[in-house]
Amino acid sequence: MAEKFAESANNVIVEEASKGLNPAMIVLLVVVSFLLIFFVGNYALYLYAQRTIPPKKKKPVSKKKLKREKLKQGVSAPGE
């Protein structure tokens, strides 16, 4: 009986715990870290640009458009 027990002990499959990270997990971590760095970098550049770049100058309104707007409002344009 002791022999049968010894033989059956040799047939037991031993599952070893996986050592290290799964290759798919490594790829996922690399992709996620690149995306995180990309978005954080863009946000930092956006904040830097908001502080350093002066606001855009607005185009001057042409006299023709100004006259048209005043006529729409019912106010006579100057010089008429």
N, C-alpha and C. Protein backbone atom coordinates (compact mmCIF):
# COMPACT_ATOMS: atom_id res chain seq x y z
N MET A 1 0.82 -1.18 0.00
CA MET A 1 0.00 0.00 0.00
C MET A 1 0.87 1.25 0.00
N ALA A 2 1.97 1.21 0.70
CA ALA A 2 2.87 2.35 0.74
C ALA A 2 3.46 2.62 -0.63
N GLU A 3 3.65 1.51 -1.43
CA GLU A 3 4.19 1.70 -2.78
C GLU A 3 3.20 2.43 -3.68
N LYS A 4 1.92 2.07 -3.57
CA LYS A 4 0.91 2.72 -4.40
C LYS A 4 0.82 4.22 -4.08
N PHE A 5 0.96 4.53 -2.80
CA PHE A 5 0.90 5.94 -2.40
C PHE A 5 2.10 6.70 -2.96
N ALA A 6 3.27 6.09 -2.96
CA ALA A 6 4.47 6.73 -3.47
C ALA A 6 4.37 6.95 -4.98
N GLU A 7 3.78 5.97 -5.70
CA GLU A 7 3.63 6.10 -7.14
C GLU A 7 2.62 7.19 -7.49
N SER A 8 1.54 7.25 -6.74
CA SER A 8 0.52 8.25 -7.03
C SER A 8 1.04 9.67 -6.71
N ALA A 9 1.96 9.78 -5.80
CA ALA A 9 2.52 11.09 -5.46
C ALA A 9 3.37 11.61 -6.63
N ASN A 10 3.95 10.71 -7.39
CA ASN A 10 4.75 11.14 -8.54
C ASN A 10 3.88 11.64 -9.69
N ASN A 11 2.64 11.19 -9.76
CA ASN A 11 1.75 11.57 -10.86
C ASN A 11 1.01 12.88 -10.62
N VAL A 12 1.16 13.48 -9.46
CA VAL A 12 0.45 14.71 -9.14
C VAL A 12 1.07 15.86 -9.95
N ILE A 13 0.19 16.62 -10.61
CA ILE A 13 0.66 17.76 -11.40
C ILE A 13 0.81 18.95 -10.48
N VAL A 14 1.99 19.52 -10.47
CA VAL A 14 2.25 20.68 -9.62
C VAL A 14 2.22 21.91 -10.51
N GLU A 15 1.29 22.84 -10.21
CA GLU A 15 1.21 24.07 -10.98
C GLU A 15 2.06 25.13 -10.30
N GLU A 16 3.03 25.62 -11.04
CA GLU A 16 3.88 26.66 -10.47
C GLU A 16 3.21 28.01 -10.68
N ALA A 17 3.36 28.87 -9.71
CA ALA A 17 2.82 30.22 -9.84
C ALA A 17 3.59 30.93 -10.94
N SER A 18 2.89 31.69 -11.79
CA SER A 18 3.57 32.37 -12.89
C SER A 18 4.54 33.40 -12.33
N LYS A 19 5.74 33.35 -12.81
CA LYS A 19 6.76 34.28 -12.35
C LYS A 19 6.84 35.44 -13.32
N GLY A 20 6.84 36.65 -12.80
CA GLY A 20 6.90 37.82 -13.66
C GLY A 20 5.53 38.21 -14.16
N LEU A 21 5.52 39.16 -15.08
CA LEU A 21 4.25 39.66 -15.61
C LEU A 21 3.94 39.03 -16.96
N ASN A 22 2.68 38.92 -17.21
CA ASN A 22 2.19 38.42 -18.48
C ASN A 22 2.62 39.39 -19.59
N PRO A 23 3.06 38.92 -20.76
CA PRO A 23 3.46 39.84 -21.84
C PRO A 23 2.35 40.80 -22.26
N ALA A 24 1.12 40.33 -22.26
CA ALA A 24 0.00 41.22 -22.60
C ALA A 24 -0.15 42.33 -21.57
N MET A 25 0.11 42.00 -20.32
CA MET A 25 0.01 43.00 -19.25
C MET A 25 1.11 44.05 -19.40
N ILE A 26 2.29 43.63 -19.82
CA ILE A 26 3.39 44.57 -20.03
C ILE A 26 3.04 45.54 -21.16
N VAL A 27 2.50 45.01 -22.27
CA VAL A 27 2.11 45.87 -23.39
C VAL A 27 1.03 46.85 -22.94
N LEU A 28 0.05 46.37 -22.19
CA LEU A 28 -1.02 47.23 -21.70
C LEU A 28 -0.47 48.34 -20.80
N LEU A 29 0.44 48.00 -19.92
CA LEU A 29 1.04 49.01 -19.04
C LEU A 29 1.82 50.05 -19.83
N VAL A 30 2.57 49.62 -20.84
CA VAL A 30 3.35 50.55 -21.66
C VAL A 30 2.43 51.50 -22.41
N VAL A 31 1.37 50.97 -23.02
CA VAL A 31 0.44 51.80 -23.79
C VAL A 31 -0.27 52.79 -22.87
N VAL A 32 -0.74 52.33 -21.72
CA VAL A 32 -1.44 53.21 -20.78
C VAL A 32 -0.49 54.28 -20.26
N SER A 33 0.75 53.92 -19.98
CA SER A 33 1.70 54.92 -19.47
C SER A 33 2.01 55.97 -20.54
N PHE A 34 2.15 55.55 -21.81
CA PHE A 34 2.38 56.53 -22.88
C PHE A 34 1.19 57.47 -23.03
N LEU A 35 -0.02 56.93 -22.97
CA LEU A 35 -1.21 57.78 -23.07
C LEU A 35 -1.27 58.77 -21.91
N LEU A 36 -0.96 58.29 -20.72
CA LEU A 36 -0.99 59.16 -19.54
C LEU A 36 0.04 60.28 -19.67
N ILE A 37 1.25 59.93 -20.10
CA ILE A 37 2.29 60.94 -20.29
C ILE A 37 1.87 61.94 -21.37
N PHE A 38 1.26 61.45 -22.45
CA PHE A 38 0.81 62.31 -23.55
C PHE A 38 -0.21 63.33 -23.07
N PHE A 39 -1.24 62.87 -22.35
CA PHE A 39 -2.29 63.78 -21.91
C PHE A 39 -1.81 64.74 -20.83
N VAL A 40 -0.98 64.27 -19.92
CA VAL A 40 -0.45 65.17 -18.88
C VAL A 40 0.48 66.21 -19.52
N GLY A 41 1.29 65.79 -20.49
CA GLY A 41 2.16 66.73 -21.20
C GLY A 41 1.39 67.77 -21.97
N ASN A 42 0.32 67.34 -22.65
CA ASN A 42 -0.50 68.30 -23.39
C ASN A 42 -1.15 69.30 -22.45
N TYR A 43 -1.63 68.83 -21.32
CA TYR A 43 -2.27 69.72 -20.36
C TYR A 43 -1.26 70.73 -19.81
N ALA A 44 -0.03 70.26 -19.54
CA ALA A 44 1.01 71.16 -19.04
C ALA A 44 1.36 72.22 -20.09
N LEU A 45 1.48 71.80 -21.35
CA LEU A 45 1.76 72.76 -22.42
C LEU A 45 0.61 73.76 -22.58
N TYR A 46 -0.62 73.28 -22.44
CA TYR A 46 -1.79 74.16 -22.55
C TYR A 46 -1.76 75.23 -21.45
N LEU A 47 -1.47 74.80 -20.22
CA LEU A 47 -1.40 75.76 -19.12
C LEU A 47 -0.27 76.76 -19.34
N TYR A 48 0.88 76.29 -19.82
CA TYR A 48 2.02 77.16 -20.07
C TYR A 48 1.67 78.18 -21.16
N ALA A 49 0.98 77.71 -22.22
CA ALA A 49 0.62 78.61 -23.32
C ALA A 49 -0.40 79.64 -22.86
N GLN A 50 -1.30 79.26 -21.99
CA GLN A 50 -2.31 80.20 -21.50
C GLN A 50 -1.64 81.35 -20.74
N ARG A 51 -0.57 81.04 -20.03
CA ARG A 51 0.11 82.08 -19.24
C ARG A 51 1.03 82.94 -20.08
N THR A 52 1.65 82.38 -21.10
CA THR A 52 2.72 83.10 -21.80
C THR A 52 2.27 83.75 -23.10
N ILE A 53 1.38 83.14 -23.85
CA ILE A 53 0.98 83.69 -25.15
C ILE A 53 -0.09 84.75 -24.94
N PRO A 54 0.10 85.95 -25.50
CA PRO A 54 -0.92 86.99 -25.34
C PRO A 54 -2.19 86.61 -26.10
N PRO A 55 -3.34 87.14 -25.66
CA PRO A 55 -4.59 86.80 -26.36
C PRO A 55 -4.59 87.37 -27.78
N LYS A 56 -5.36 86.72 -28.65
CA LYS A 56 -5.44 87.16 -30.05
C LYS A 56 -6.09 88.53 -30.12
N LYS A 57 -5.59 89.34 -31.05
CA LYS A 57 -6.21 90.65 -31.27
C LYS A 57 -7.42 90.45 -32.16
N LYS A 58 -8.51 91.13 -31.82
CA LYS A 58 -9.71 91.03 -32.63
C LYS A 58 -9.56 91.89 -33.88
N LYS A 59 -10.15 91.42 -34.96
CA LYS A 59 -10.11 92.20 -36.20
C LYS A 59 -10.99 93.43 -36.03
N PRO A 60 -10.56 94.57 -36.56
CA PRO A 60 -11.42 95.76 -36.48
C PRO A 60 -12.66 95.58 -37.35
N VAL A 61 -13.79 96.08 -36.84
CA VAL A 61 -15.03 95.97 -37.60
C VAL A 61 -15.01 97.02 -38.71
N SER A 62 -15.34 96.60 -39.92
CA SER A 62 -15.31 97.54 -41.04
C SER A 62 -16.45 98.55 -40.91
N LYS A 63 -16.24 99.69 -41.52
CA LYS A 63 -17.25 100.76 -41.46
C LYS A 63 -18.55 100.32 -42.12
N LYS A 64 -18.43 99.50 -43.15
CA LYS A 64 -19.62 99.01 -43.85
C LYS A 64 -20.48 98.15 -42.92
N LYS A 65 -19.84 97.24 -42.19
CA LYS A 65 -20.57 96.39 -41.27
C LYS A 65 -21.14 97.20 -40.12
N LEU A 66 -20.39 98.18 -39.65
CA LEU A 66 -20.87 99.03 -38.56
C LEU A 66 -22.11 99.79 -39.00
N LYS A 67 -22.09 100.30 -40.22
CA LYS A 67 -23.23 101.05 -40.76
C LYS A 67 -24.45 100.12 -40.87
N ARG A 68 -24.24 98.92 -41.37
CA ARG A 68 -25.32 97.95 -41.54
C ARG A 68 -25.95 97.59 -40.20
N GLU A 69 -25.11 97.38 -39.17
CA GLU A 69 -25.63 97.05 -37.84
C GLU A 69 -26.46 98.19 -37.27
N LYS A 70 -26.00 99.40 -37.45
CA LYS A 70 -26.75 100.55 -36.92
C LYS A 70 -28.09 100.72 -37.63
N LEU A 71 -28.12 100.42 -38.94
CA LEU A 71 -29.37 100.50 -39.68
C LEU A 71 -30.35 99.43 -39.20
N LYS A 72 -29.84 98.25 -38.87
CA LYS A 72 -30.70 97.19 -38.34
C LYS A 72 -31.33 97.62 -37.02
N GLN A 73 -30.56 98.32 -36.20
CA GLN A 73 -31.06 98.74 -34.89
C GLN A 73 -31.95 99.98 -34.99
N GLY A 74 -32.02 100.60 -36.14
CA GLY A 74 -32.87 101.76 -36.33
C GLY A 74 -32.20 103.07 -36.01
N VAL A 75 -30.89 103.05 -35.75
CA VAL A 75 -30.16 104.29 -35.46
C VAL A 75 -29.52 104.74 -36.76
N SER A 76 -29.72 105.98 -37.09
CA SER A 76 -29.13 106.47 -38.35
C SER A 76 -27.61 106.57 -38.19
N ALA A 77 -26.91 106.18 -39.22
CA ALA A 77 -25.45 106.23 -39.22
C ALA A 77 -25.01 107.69 -39.25
N PRO A 78 -23.87 108.01 -38.65
CA PRO A 78 -23.40 109.39 -38.66
C PRO A 78 -23.08 109.84 -40.08
N GLY A 79 -23.42 111.11 -40.38
CA GLY A 79 -23.13 111.65 -41.68
C GLY A 79 -24.27 111.45 -42.65
N GLU A 80 -25.41 110.97 -42.16
CA GLU A 80 -26.54 110.79 -43.08
C GLU A 80 -27.70 111.64 -42.64
